[in-house]
Amino acid sequence: MKQAEVLSSYATVDFSGNKLEGEIPEFIGLLKALIALNLSNNTFTGHIPLSLGNLTQLASLDLSRNQLSGTIPNELKALTFLAYLNVSHNQLTGEIPKGTQIIGQPKSSFEGNAGFCGLPLQESCVCTSVPPLQDVDQEDKEGEVLSWKAVALGYAPGLLFGLALGQVIASYKPKWLLKLYCFGFLT
């Protein structure tokens, strides 16, 4: 069922525990005056709508115990009044956005999502296949040494060639060089 007109005067919407399914509609972000949104204990699927970032007055958001997937949108970092957030027991993945209101939530607000990492959870988001920073720094230093060796190897023969060419030009004095000197191009 589609709604023809979106009411924007609701302060609290609580559809928890109603066996609702499908995706959370994007138009929910049009409810600008919304202070509390509770869609917990349903079977919502899909991603958390980006439009929730438009709810600048939102103080409470509960999306727990659904089947939501994807990541928490970075747009939620802008919700400065968000005092309560619960996205536990979904199928969410990725790094938890580092917004002040989000990382200030208790760990229990993010539990039950096997793919989550970052604060406030203990799981680090660093990929295990990346070598430690010390090894990377060591490789950079080795690369710098190799590049300086290449410069030194190219510099010595170049200097010798330049000196030899200068000696040949100084001792030979071709006619065209004398003409340039006579016309004032060389001093």
N, C-alpha and C. Protein backbone atom coordinates (compact mmCIF):
# COMPACT_ATOMS: atom_id res chain seq x y z
N MET A 1 0.83 -1.16 0.00
CA MET A 1 0.00 0.00 0.00
C MET A 1 0.89 1.24 0.00
N LYS A 2 0.60 2.20 -0.86
CA LYS A 2 1.38 3.43 -0.94
C LYS A 2 0.58 4.55 -0.33
N GLN A 3 1.30 5.42 0.36
CA GLN A 3 0.65 6.56 0.98
C GLN A 3 0.77 7.74 0.03
N ALA A 4 -0.34 8.41 -0.25
CA ALA A 4 -0.35 9.51 -1.21
C ALA A 4 0.27 10.77 -0.61
N GLU A 5 0.09 10.99 0.66
CA GLU A 5 0.61 12.19 1.29
C GLU A 5 1.29 11.79 2.59
N VAL A 6 2.45 12.37 2.85
CA VAL A 6 3.20 12.05 4.05
C VAL A 6 2.91 13.10 5.11
N LEU A 7 2.44 12.64 6.25
CA LEU A 7 2.20 13.55 7.36
C LEU A 7 3.54 13.87 8.01
N SER A 8 3.75 15.12 8.32
CA SER A 8 5.05 15.50 8.88
C SER A 8 4.94 16.00 10.31
N SER A 9 3.83 15.77 10.97
CA SER A 9 3.63 16.31 12.31
C SER A 9 3.82 15.28 13.43
N TYR A 10 4.17 14.05 13.12
CA TYR A 10 4.36 13.04 14.15
C TYR A 10 5.66 13.30 14.90
N ALA A 11 5.60 13.14 16.22
CA ALA A 11 6.80 13.29 17.04
C ALA A 11 7.36 11.92 17.40
N THR A 12 6.47 10.94 17.53
CA THR A 12 6.89 9.58 17.89
C THR A 12 6.15 8.59 17.01
N VAL A 13 6.92 7.65 16.46
CA VAL A 13 6.33 6.57 15.67
C VAL A 13 6.84 5.26 16.27
N ASP A 14 5.92 4.41 16.71
CA ASP A 14 6.29 3.12 17.30
C ASP A 14 5.51 2.02 16.60
N PHE A 15 6.19 1.32 15.70
CA PHE A 15 5.60 0.17 15.01
C PHE A 15 6.29 -1.12 15.45
N SER A 16 6.78 -1.16 16.67
CA SER A 16 7.52 -2.32 17.15
C SER A 16 6.60 -3.52 17.33
N GLY A 17 7.16 -4.71 17.06
CA GLY A 17 6.45 -5.96 17.29
C GLY A 17 5.20 -6.16 16.47
N ASN A 18 5.17 -5.71 15.24
CA ASN A 18 3.98 -5.82 14.41
C ASN A 18 4.14 -6.77 13.22
N LYS A 19 5.21 -7.51 13.17
CA LYS A 19 5.47 -8.46 12.09
C LYS A 19 5.50 -7.77 10.72
N LEU A 20 5.93 -6.52 10.70
CA LEU A 20 6.06 -5.80 9.43
C LEU A 20 7.25 -6.35 8.66
N GLU A 21 7.13 -6.37 7.35
CA GLU A 21 8.22 -6.92 6.53
C GLU A 21 8.48 -6.03 5.33
N GLY A 22 9.54 -6.36 4.61
CA GLY A 22 9.94 -5.55 3.47
C GLY A 22 10.99 -4.54 3.89
N GLU A 23 11.23 -3.57 3.03
CA GLU A 23 12.24 -2.56 3.33
C GLU A 23 11.60 -1.39 4.08
N ILE A 24 12.40 -0.75 4.90
CA ILE A 24 11.95 0.47 5.56
C ILE A 24 11.86 1.54 4.48
N PRO A 25 10.71 2.19 4.33
CA PRO A 25 10.55 3.14 3.23
C PRO A 25 11.42 4.40 3.40
N GLU A 26 11.94 4.88 2.29
CA GLU A 26 12.77 6.10 2.29
C GLU A 26 11.98 7.32 2.77
N PHE A 27 10.68 7.35 2.51
CA PHE A 27 9.90 8.54 2.86
C PHE A 27 9.87 8.80 4.36
N ILE A 28 10.33 7.84 5.16
CA ILE A 28 10.36 8.05 6.61
C ILE A 28 11.24 9.25 6.96
N GLY A 29 12.20 9.55 6.08
CA GLY A 29 13.08 10.70 6.28
C GLY A 29 12.40 12.04 6.07
N LEU A 30 11.15 12.02 5.60
CA LEU A 30 10.40 13.26 5.41
C LEU A 30 9.70 13.71 6.70
N LEU A 31 9.70 12.87 7.69
CA LEU A 31 9.05 13.20 8.98
C LEU A 31 10.02 14.04 9.82
N LYS A 32 10.22 15.26 9.41
CA LYS A 32 11.25 16.15 9.98
C LYS A 32 11.11 16.38 11.48
N ALA A 33 9.92 16.36 12.00
CA ALA A 33 9.71 16.64 13.42
C ALA A 33 9.84 15.39 14.29
N LEU A 34 10.17 14.27 13.69
CA LEU A 34 10.24 12.99 14.41
C LEU A 34 11.32 13.04 15.49
N ILE A 35 10.94 12.65 16.70
CA ILE A 35 11.87 12.62 17.83
C ILE A 35 12.22 11.18 18.19
N ALA A 36 11.27 10.27 18.05
CA ALA A 36 11.50 8.86 18.39
C ALA A 36 10.91 7.97 17.30
N LEU A 37 11.72 7.00 16.87
CA LEU A 37 11.28 6.02 15.86
C LEU A 37 11.64 4.64 16.35
N ASN A 38 10.62 3.80 16.53
CA ASN A 38 10.84 2.44 17.00
C ASN A 38 10.22 1.47 15.99
N LEU A 39 11.10 0.78 15.25
CA LEU A 39 10.68 -0.24 14.28
C LEU A 39 11.21 -1.61 14.68
N SER A 40 11.49 -1.80 15.95
CA SER A 40 12.09 -3.05 16.43
C SER A 40 11.11 -4.21 16.38
N ASN A 41 11.67 -5.43 16.46
CA ASN A 41 10.90 -6.67 16.54
C ASN A 41 9.92 -6.84 15.38
N ASN A 42 10.41 -6.62 14.18
CA ASN A 42 9.66 -6.87 12.96
C ASN A 42 10.54 -7.76 12.08
N THR A 43 10.24 -7.84 10.82
CA THR A 43 11.11 -8.59 9.90
C THR A 43 11.52 -7.71 8.72
N PHE A 44 11.86 -6.45 9.02
CA PHE A 44 12.34 -5.56 7.97
C PHE A 44 13.63 -6.09 7.37
N THR A 45 13.74 -5.98 6.05
CA THR A 45 14.95 -6.41 5.34
C THR A 45 15.52 -5.20 4.58
N GLY A 46 16.63 -5.43 3.92
CA GLY A 46 17.26 -4.35 3.14
C GLY A 46 18.15 -3.49 4.01
N HIS A 47 18.47 -2.33 3.48
CA HIS A 47 19.40 -1.41 4.14
C HIS A 47 18.67 -0.41 5.02
N ILE A 48 19.41 0.17 5.95
CA ILE A 48 18.89 1.29 6.73
C ILE A 48 18.81 2.47 5.78
N PRO A 49 17.65 3.11 5.66
CA PRO A 49 17.50 4.21 4.69
C PRO A 49 18.43 5.39 4.99
N LEU A 50 19.05 5.89 3.95
CA LEU A 50 19.92 7.07 4.09
C LEU A 50 19.12 8.28 4.55
N SER A 51 17.83 8.30 4.21
CA SER A 51 16.98 9.45 4.54
C SER A 51 16.82 9.64 6.05
N LEU A 52 17.16 8.63 6.86
CA LEU A 52 17.07 8.81 8.31
C LEU A 52 18.02 9.91 8.78
N GLY A 53 19.05 10.18 8.00
CA GLY A 53 19.96 11.27 8.32
C GLY A 53 19.32 12.64 8.23
N ASN A 54 18.14 12.73 7.61
CA ASN A 54 17.41 14.00 7.51
C ASN A 54 16.61 14.31 8.78
N LEU A 55 16.49 13.35 9.66
CA LEU A 55 15.68 13.52 10.87
C LEU A 55 16.52 14.19 11.96
N THR A 56 16.78 15.45 11.78
CA THR A 56 17.73 16.17 12.64
C THR A 56 17.27 16.31 14.09
N GLN A 57 15.98 16.11 14.37
CA GLN A 57 15.47 16.19 15.74
C GLN A 57 15.41 14.84 16.44
N LEU A 58 15.79 13.78 15.72
CA LEU A 58 15.66 12.42 16.23
C LEU A 58 16.52 12.20 17.47
N ALA A 59 15.89 11.76 18.54
CA ALA A 59 16.59 11.49 19.79
C ALA A 59 16.66 10.00 20.10
N SER A 60 15.75 9.20 19.51
CA SER A 60 15.71 7.78 19.79
C SER A 60 15.41 7.01 18.50
N LEU A 61 16.27 6.03 18.19
CA LEU A 61 16.08 5.20 17.00
C LEU A 61 16.32 3.75 17.38
N ASP A 62 15.29 2.94 17.25
CA ASP A 62 15.40 1.51 17.57
C ASP A 62 15.02 0.70 16.34
N LEU A 63 16.02 0.06 15.75
CA LEU A 63 15.83 -0.82 14.59
C LEU A 63 16.22 -2.25 14.94
N SER A 64 16.28 -2.56 16.21
CA SER A 64 16.76 -3.87 16.65
C SER A 64 15.80 -4.99 16.28
N ARG A 65 16.36 -6.20 16.24
CA ARG A 65 15.62 -7.44 16.00
C ARG A 65 14.79 -7.42 14.72
N ASN A 66 15.50 -7.11 13.63
CA ASN A 66 14.94 -7.20 12.28
C ASN A 66 15.91 -8.05 11.47
N GLN A 67 15.86 -7.93 10.18
CA GLN A 67 16.78 -8.64 9.30
C GLN A 67 17.48 -7.65 8.37
N LEU A 68 17.82 -6.49 8.91
CA LEU A 68 18.46 -5.44 8.12
C LEU A 68 19.89 -5.86 7.75
N SER A 69 20.32 -5.46 6.56
CA SER A 69 21.66 -5.80 6.10
C SER A 69 22.38 -4.53 5.65
N GLY A 70 23.63 -4.68 5.27
CA GLY A 70 24.41 -3.53 4.85
C GLY A 70 25.08 -2.88 6.04
N THR A 71 25.35 -1.59 5.92
CA THR A 71 26.05 -0.86 6.97
C THR A 71 25.15 0.20 7.58
N ILE A 72 25.62 0.76 8.68
CA ILE A 72 24.94 1.93 9.25
C ILE A 72 25.35 3.11 8.38
N PRO A 73 24.40 3.83 7.82
CA PRO A 73 24.76 4.95 6.94
C PRO A 73 25.53 6.04 7.69
N ASN A 74 26.54 6.60 7.04
CA ASN A 74 27.30 7.69 7.63
C ASN A 74 26.44 8.92 7.89
N GLU A 75 25.32 9.02 7.20
CA GLU A 75 24.41 10.15 7.40
C GLU A 75 23.91 10.23 8.84
N LEU A 76 23.90 9.10 9.54
CA LEU A 76 23.42 9.10 10.93
C LEU A 76 24.39 9.80 11.88
N LYS A 77 25.62 10.02 11.43
CA LYS A 77 26.58 10.73 12.27
C LYS A 77 26.14 12.17 12.53
N ALA A 78 25.34 12.72 11.62
CA ALA A 78 24.91 14.12 11.74
C ALA A 78 23.76 14.30 12.73
N LEU A 79 23.22 13.24 13.26
CA LEU A 79 22.09 13.34 14.19
C LEU A 79 22.61 13.70 15.58
N THR A 80 22.72 14.98 15.85
CA THR A 80 23.35 15.45 17.08
C THR A 80 22.49 15.26 18.33
N PHE A 81 21.18 15.07 18.16
CA PHE A 81 20.30 14.87 19.32
C PHE A 81 20.10 13.39 19.64
N LEU A 82 20.68 12.51 18.87
CA LEU A 82 20.45 11.08 19.04
C LEU A 82 21.03 10.59 20.37
N ALA A 83 20.15 10.34 21.32
CA ALA A 83 20.57 9.88 22.64
C ALA A 83 20.50 8.36 22.75
N TYR A 84 19.62 7.74 21.96
CA TYR A 84 19.45 6.28 22.04
C TYR A 84 19.43 5.71 20.63
N LEU A 85 20.28 4.73 20.40
CA LEU A 85 20.34 4.01 19.13
C LEU A 85 20.48 2.53 19.43
N ASN A 86 19.65 1.72 18.78
CA ASN A 86 19.76 0.27 18.94
C ASN A 86 19.55 -0.38 17.59
N VAL A 87 20.60 -1.01 17.08
CA VAL A 87 20.53 -1.76 15.82
C VAL A 87 20.94 -3.22 16.04
N SER A 88 20.83 -3.67 17.28
CA SER A 88 21.25 -5.03 17.63
C SER A 88 20.39 -6.09 16.94
N HIS A 89 20.98 -7.27 16.79
CA HIS A 89 20.30 -8.46 16.27
C HIS A 89 19.69 -8.24 14.88
N ASN A 90 20.55 -7.82 13.97
CA ASN A 90 20.24 -7.72 12.55
C ASN A 90 21.33 -8.46 11.80
N GLN A 91 21.53 -8.15 10.56
CA GLN A 91 22.59 -8.76 9.76
C GLN A 91 23.50 -7.66 9.20
N LEU A 92 23.74 -6.66 10.01
CA LEU A 92 24.54 -5.51 9.59
C LEU A 92 26.03 -5.84 9.61
N THR A 93 26.77 -5.15 8.76
CA THR A 93 28.21 -5.39 8.63
C THR A 93 28.95 -4.06 8.56
N GLY A 94 30.26 -4.15 8.56
CA GLY A 94 31.10 -2.98 8.34
C GLY A 94 31.43 -2.23 9.62
N GLU A 95 32.09 -1.10 9.41
CA GLU A 95 32.53 -0.28 10.53
C GLU A 95 31.39 0.60 11.04
N ILE A 96 31.29 0.67 12.34
CA ILE A 96 30.30 1.53 12.97
C ILE A 96 30.77 2.97 12.77
N PRO A 97 29.92 3.85 12.23
CA PRO A 97 30.34 5.25 12.00
C PRO A 97 30.83 5.89 13.30
N LYS A 98 31.79 6.78 13.16
CA LYS A 98 32.45 7.36 14.33
C LYS A 98 31.80 8.66 14.81
N GLY A 99 30.53 8.84 14.59
CA GLY A 99 29.83 10.01 15.12
C GLY A 99 29.77 9.95 16.63
N THR A 100 29.86 11.09 17.28
CA THR A 100 29.88 11.16 18.75
C THR A 100 28.66 10.49 19.36
N GLN A 101 27.49 10.72 18.79
CA GLN A 101 26.27 10.14 19.34
C GLN A 101 26.21 8.64 19.12
N ILE A 102 26.90 8.14 18.12
CA ILE A 102 26.84 6.70 17.81
C ILE A 102 27.83 5.92 18.66
N ILE A 103 29.08 6.37 18.73
CA ILE A 103 30.06 5.60 19.50
C ILE A 103 29.85 5.73 21.00
N GLY A 104 29.00 6.66 21.41
CA GLY A 104 28.67 6.80 22.82
C GLY A 104 27.61 5.81 23.29
N GLN A 105 27.10 5.01 22.38
CA GLN A 105 26.06 4.03 22.72
C GLN A 105 26.72 2.80 23.38
N PRO A 106 25.96 2.07 24.20
CA PRO A 106 26.52 0.86 24.81
C PRO A 106 26.73 -0.24 23.77
N LYS A 107 27.63 -1.16 24.08
CA LYS A 107 27.92 -2.29 23.17
C LYS A 107 26.67 -3.08 22.83
N SER A 108 25.76 -3.19 23.78
CA SER A 108 24.54 -3.98 23.57
C SER A 108 23.70 -3.44 22.40
N SER A 109 23.87 -2.19 22.05
CA SER A 109 23.12 -1.60 20.94
C SER A 109 23.56 -2.13 19.58
N PHE A 110 24.71 -2.82 19.54
CA PHE A 110 25.27 -3.30 18.28
C PHE A 110 25.46 -4.82 18.25
N GLU A 111 25.18 -5.50 19.35
CA GLU A 111 25.38 -6.95 19.44
C GLU A 111 24.47 -7.70 18.48
N GLY A 112 24.89 -8.91 18.12
CA GLY A 112 24.08 -9.75 17.26
C GLY A 112 24.22 -9.44 15.78
N ASN A 113 25.19 -8.64 15.42
CA ASN A 113 25.52 -8.35 14.02
C ASN A 113 26.95 -8.87 13.80
N ALA A 114 27.06 -10.03 13.19
CA ALA A 114 28.35 -10.71 13.10
C ALA A 114 29.40 -9.91 12.34
N GLY A 115 28.99 -9.02 11.46
CA GLY A 115 29.96 -8.32 10.63
C GLY A 115 30.34 -6.94 11.11
N PHE A 116 29.95 -6.55 12.32
CA PHE A 116 30.26 -5.21 12.83
C PHE A 116 31.66 -5.14 13.40
N CYS A 117 32.27 -3.95 13.28
CA CYS A 117 33.56 -3.71 13.90
C CYS A 117 33.66 -2.23 14.25
N GLY A 118 34.62 -1.88 15.08
CA GLY A 118 34.85 -0.50 15.49
C GLY A 118 34.24 -0.21 16.85
N LEU A 119 34.44 1.02 17.31
CA LEU A 119 33.91 1.42 18.61
C LEU A 119 32.39 1.48 18.57
N PRO A 120 31.73 1.12 19.62
CA PRO A 120 32.22 0.76 20.94
C PRO A 120 32.53 -0.74 21.10
N LEU A 121 32.48 -1.50 20.02
CA LEU A 121 32.79 -2.93 20.10
C LEU A 121 34.29 -3.16 20.21
N GLN A 122 34.66 -4.36 20.60
CA GLN A 122 36.07 -4.72 20.73
C GLN A 122 36.70 -5.11 19.39
N GLU A 123 35.88 -5.48 18.42
CA GLU A 123 36.39 -5.94 17.14
C GLU A 123 37.01 -4.79 16.37
N SER A 124 38.25 -4.98 15.97
CA SER A 124 38.95 -3.95 15.20
C SER A 124 38.60 -4.09 13.72
N CYS A 125 38.59 -2.97 13.02
CA CYS A 125 38.24 -2.98 11.60
C CYS A 125 39.47 -3.10 10.70
N VAL A 126 40.64 -3.30 11.28
CA VAL A 126 41.85 -3.41 10.50
C VAL A 126 41.87 -4.76 9.82
N CYS A 127 42.13 -4.77 8.53
CA CYS A 127 42.20 -6.01 7.76
C CYS A 127 43.45 -6.78 8.18
N THR A 128 43.33 -8.08 8.38
CA THR A 128 44.45 -8.88 8.85
C THR A 128 45.48 -9.16 7.77
N SER A 129 45.14 -8.96 6.49
CA SER A 129 46.10 -9.25 5.43
C SER A 129 47.07 -8.11 5.20
N VAL A 130 46.86 -6.95 5.84
CA VAL A 130 47.76 -5.82 5.69
C VAL A 130 48.93 -6.02 6.63
N PRO A 131 50.18 -5.87 6.15
CA PRO A 131 51.32 -6.04 7.04
C PRO A 131 51.35 -4.95 8.11
N PRO A 132 52.00 -5.21 9.24
CA PRO A 132 52.09 -4.21 10.29
C PRO A 132 52.77 -2.95 9.78
N LEU A 133 52.51 -1.83 10.47
CA LEU A 133 53.06 -0.56 10.03
C LEU A 133 54.58 -0.55 10.02
N GLN A 134 55.24 -1.27 10.93
CA GLN A 134 56.69 -1.30 10.95
C GLN A 134 57.24 -1.89 9.65
N ASP A 135 56.61 -2.94 9.16
CA ASP A 135 57.07 -3.55 7.91
C ASP A 135 56.89 -2.60 6.74
N VAL A 136 55.78 -1.87 6.72
CA VAL A 136 55.53 -0.91 5.65
C VAL A 136 56.59 0.19 5.68
N ASP A 137 56.89 0.69 6.90
CA ASP A 137 57.91 1.73 7.03
C ASP A 137 59.27 1.21 6.57
N GLN A 138 59.58 -0.03 6.92
CA GLN A 138 60.86 -0.61 6.52
C GLN A 138 60.94 -0.71 5.01
N GLU A 139 59.84 -1.13 4.35
CA GLU A 139 59.83 -1.23 2.89
C GLU A 139 60.01 0.15 2.26
N ASP A 140 59.40 1.18 2.86
CA ASP A 140 59.56 2.54 2.35
C ASP A 140 61.01 2.98 2.44
N LYS A 141 61.66 2.68 3.58
CA LYS A 141 63.06 3.05 3.74
C LYS A 141 63.93 2.32 2.73
N GLU A 142 63.65 1.03 2.51
CA GLU A 142 64.41 0.28 1.52
C GLU A 142 64.21 0.85 0.13
N GLY A 143 62.97 1.27 -0.18
CA GLY A 143 62.68 1.89 -1.47
C GLY A 143 63.44 3.20 -1.65
N GLU A 144 63.56 3.98 -0.54
CA GLU A 144 64.31 5.23 -0.61
C GLU A 144 65.78 4.96 -0.85
N VAL A 145 66.35 3.94 -0.18
CA VAL A 145 67.75 3.59 -0.37
C VAL A 145 67.99 3.17 -1.81
N LEU A 146 67.09 2.35 -2.34
CA LEU A 146 67.25 1.91 -3.72
C LEU A 146 67.18 3.09 -4.68
N SER A 147 66.30 4.05 -4.45
CA SER A 147 66.19 5.18 -5.35
C SER A 147 67.44 6.05 -5.27
N TRP A 148 68.04 6.20 -4.09
CA TRP A 148 69.27 6.98 -3.97
C TRP A 148 70.44 6.26 -4.65
N LYS A 149 70.45 4.95 -4.57
CA LYS A 149 71.49 4.20 -5.28
C LYS A 149 71.37 4.41 -6.77
N ALA A 150 70.16 4.43 -7.28
CA ALA A 150 69.95 4.65 -8.71
C ALA A 150 70.41 6.05 -9.11
N VAL A 151 70.15 7.03 -8.26
CA VAL A 151 70.59 8.40 -8.55
C VAL A 151 72.11 8.46 -8.57
N ALA A 152 72.75 7.83 -7.58
CA ALA A 152 74.22 7.85 -7.52
C ALA A 152 74.82 7.14 -8.73
N LEU A 153 74.23 6.01 -9.13
CA LEU A 153 74.75 5.29 -10.29
C LEU A 153 74.59 6.10 -11.58
N GLY A 154 73.55 6.87 -11.68
CA GLY A 154 73.35 7.69 -12.87
C GLY A 154 74.13 8.99 -12.82
N TYR A 155 74.39 9.50 -11.62
CA TYR A 155 75.05 10.79 -11.47
C TYR A 155 76.52 10.73 -11.88
N ALA A 156 77.24 9.72 -11.43
CA ALA A 156 78.68 9.63 -11.71
C ALA A 156 78.97 9.55 -13.21
N PRO A 157 78.37 8.63 -13.97
CA PRO A 157 78.64 8.60 -15.42
C PRO A 157 78.16 9.89 -16.12
N GLY A 158 77.07 10.46 -15.65
CA GLY A 158 76.58 11.70 -16.25
C GLY A 158 77.55 12.84 -16.04
N LEU A 159 78.11 12.93 -14.86
CA LEU A 159 79.09 13.96 -14.56
C LEU A 159 80.34 13.80 -15.43
N LEU A 160 80.83 12.58 -15.53
CA LEU A 160 82.02 12.32 -16.36
C LEU A 160 81.75 12.65 -17.83
N PHE A 161 80.60 12.27 -18.33
CA PHE A 161 80.25 12.57 -19.72
C PHE A 161 80.16 14.08 -19.94
N GLY A 162 79.54 14.78 -19.02
CA GLY A 162 79.42 16.23 -19.13
C GLY A 162 80.76 16.92 -19.13
N LEU A 163 81.68 16.48 -18.24
CA LEU A 163 83.01 17.08 -18.21
C LEU A 163 83.78 16.80 -19.49
N ALA A 164 83.68 15.58 -20.00
CA ALA A 164 84.37 15.23 -21.26
C ALA A 164 83.82 16.04 -22.42
N LEU A 165 82.51 16.20 -22.50
CA LEU A 165 81.89 16.98 -23.57
C LEU A 165 82.30 18.44 -23.47
N GLY A 166 82.36 18.96 -22.28
CA GLY A 166 82.82 20.34 -22.08
C GLY A 166 84.25 20.54 -22.52
N GLN A 167 85.10 19.56 -22.24
CA GLN A 167 86.51 19.64 -22.67
C GLN A 167 86.62 19.63 -24.18
N VAL A 168 85.83 18.79 -24.85
CA VAL A 168 85.85 18.72 -26.31
C VAL A 168 85.39 20.04 -26.91
N ILE A 169 84.34 20.59 -26.41
CA ILE A 169 83.82 21.85 -26.93
C ILE A 169 84.82 22.98 -26.69
N ALA A 170 85.43 23.01 -25.51
CA ALA A 170 86.39 24.07 -25.19
C ALA A 170 87.64 24.01 -26.07
N SER A 171 88.08 22.82 -26.41
CA SER A 171 89.31 22.69 -27.21
C SER A 171 89.02 22.78 -28.71
N TYR A 172 87.85 22.50 -29.18
CA TYR A 172 87.54 22.45 -30.61
C TYR A 172 87.08 23.80 -31.14
N LYS A 173 86.24 24.55 -30.45
CA LYS A 173 85.68 25.84 -30.84
C LYS A 173 85.15 25.82 -32.27
N PRO A 174 84.02 25.24 -32.48
CA PRO A 174 83.47 25.21 -33.83
C PRO A 174 83.11 26.61 -34.32
N LYS A 175 82.99 26.77 -35.65
CA LYS A 175 82.76 28.07 -36.26
C LYS A 175 81.42 28.67 -35.84
N TRP A 176 80.41 27.86 -35.72
CA TRP A 176 79.10 28.38 -35.34
C TRP A 176 79.13 28.97 -33.94
N LEU A 177 79.97 28.39 -33.04
CA LEU A 177 80.11 28.91 -31.69
C LEU A 177 80.79 30.27 -31.72
N LEU A 178 81.78 30.44 -32.60
CA LEU A 178 82.46 31.73 -32.74
C LEU A 178 81.52 32.78 -33.29
N LYS A 179 80.61 32.39 -34.24
CA LYS A 179 79.64 33.33 -34.78
C LYS A 179 78.68 33.82 -33.70
N LEU A 180 78.24 32.89 -32.84
CA LEU A 180 77.35 33.28 -31.75
C LEU A 180 78.07 34.26 -30.81
N TYR A 181 79.36 34.02 -30.60
CA TYR A 181 80.12 34.88 -29.72
C TYR A 181 80.27 36.26 -30.34
N CYS A 182 80.53 36.31 -31.65
CA CYS A 182 80.74 37.57 -32.36
C CYS A 182 79.47 38.40 -32.40
N PHE A 183 78.33 37.78 -32.52
CA PHE A 183 77.06 38.54 -32.60
C PHE A 183 76.52 38.88 -31.22
N GLY A 184 77.22 38.56 -30.19
CA GLY A 184 76.83 38.96 -28.84
C GLY A 184 75.87 38.03 -28.14
N PHE A 185 75.62 36.86 -28.70
CA PHE A 185 74.73 35.91 -28.03
C PHE A 185 75.42 35.21 -26.87
N LEU A 186 76.74 35.07 -26.95
CA LEU A 186 77.50 34.47 -25.86
C LEU A 186 78.46 35.52 -25.33
N THR A 187 78.69 35.54 -24.09
CA THR A 187 79.62 36.51 -23.52
C THR A 187 80.79 35.82 -22.89
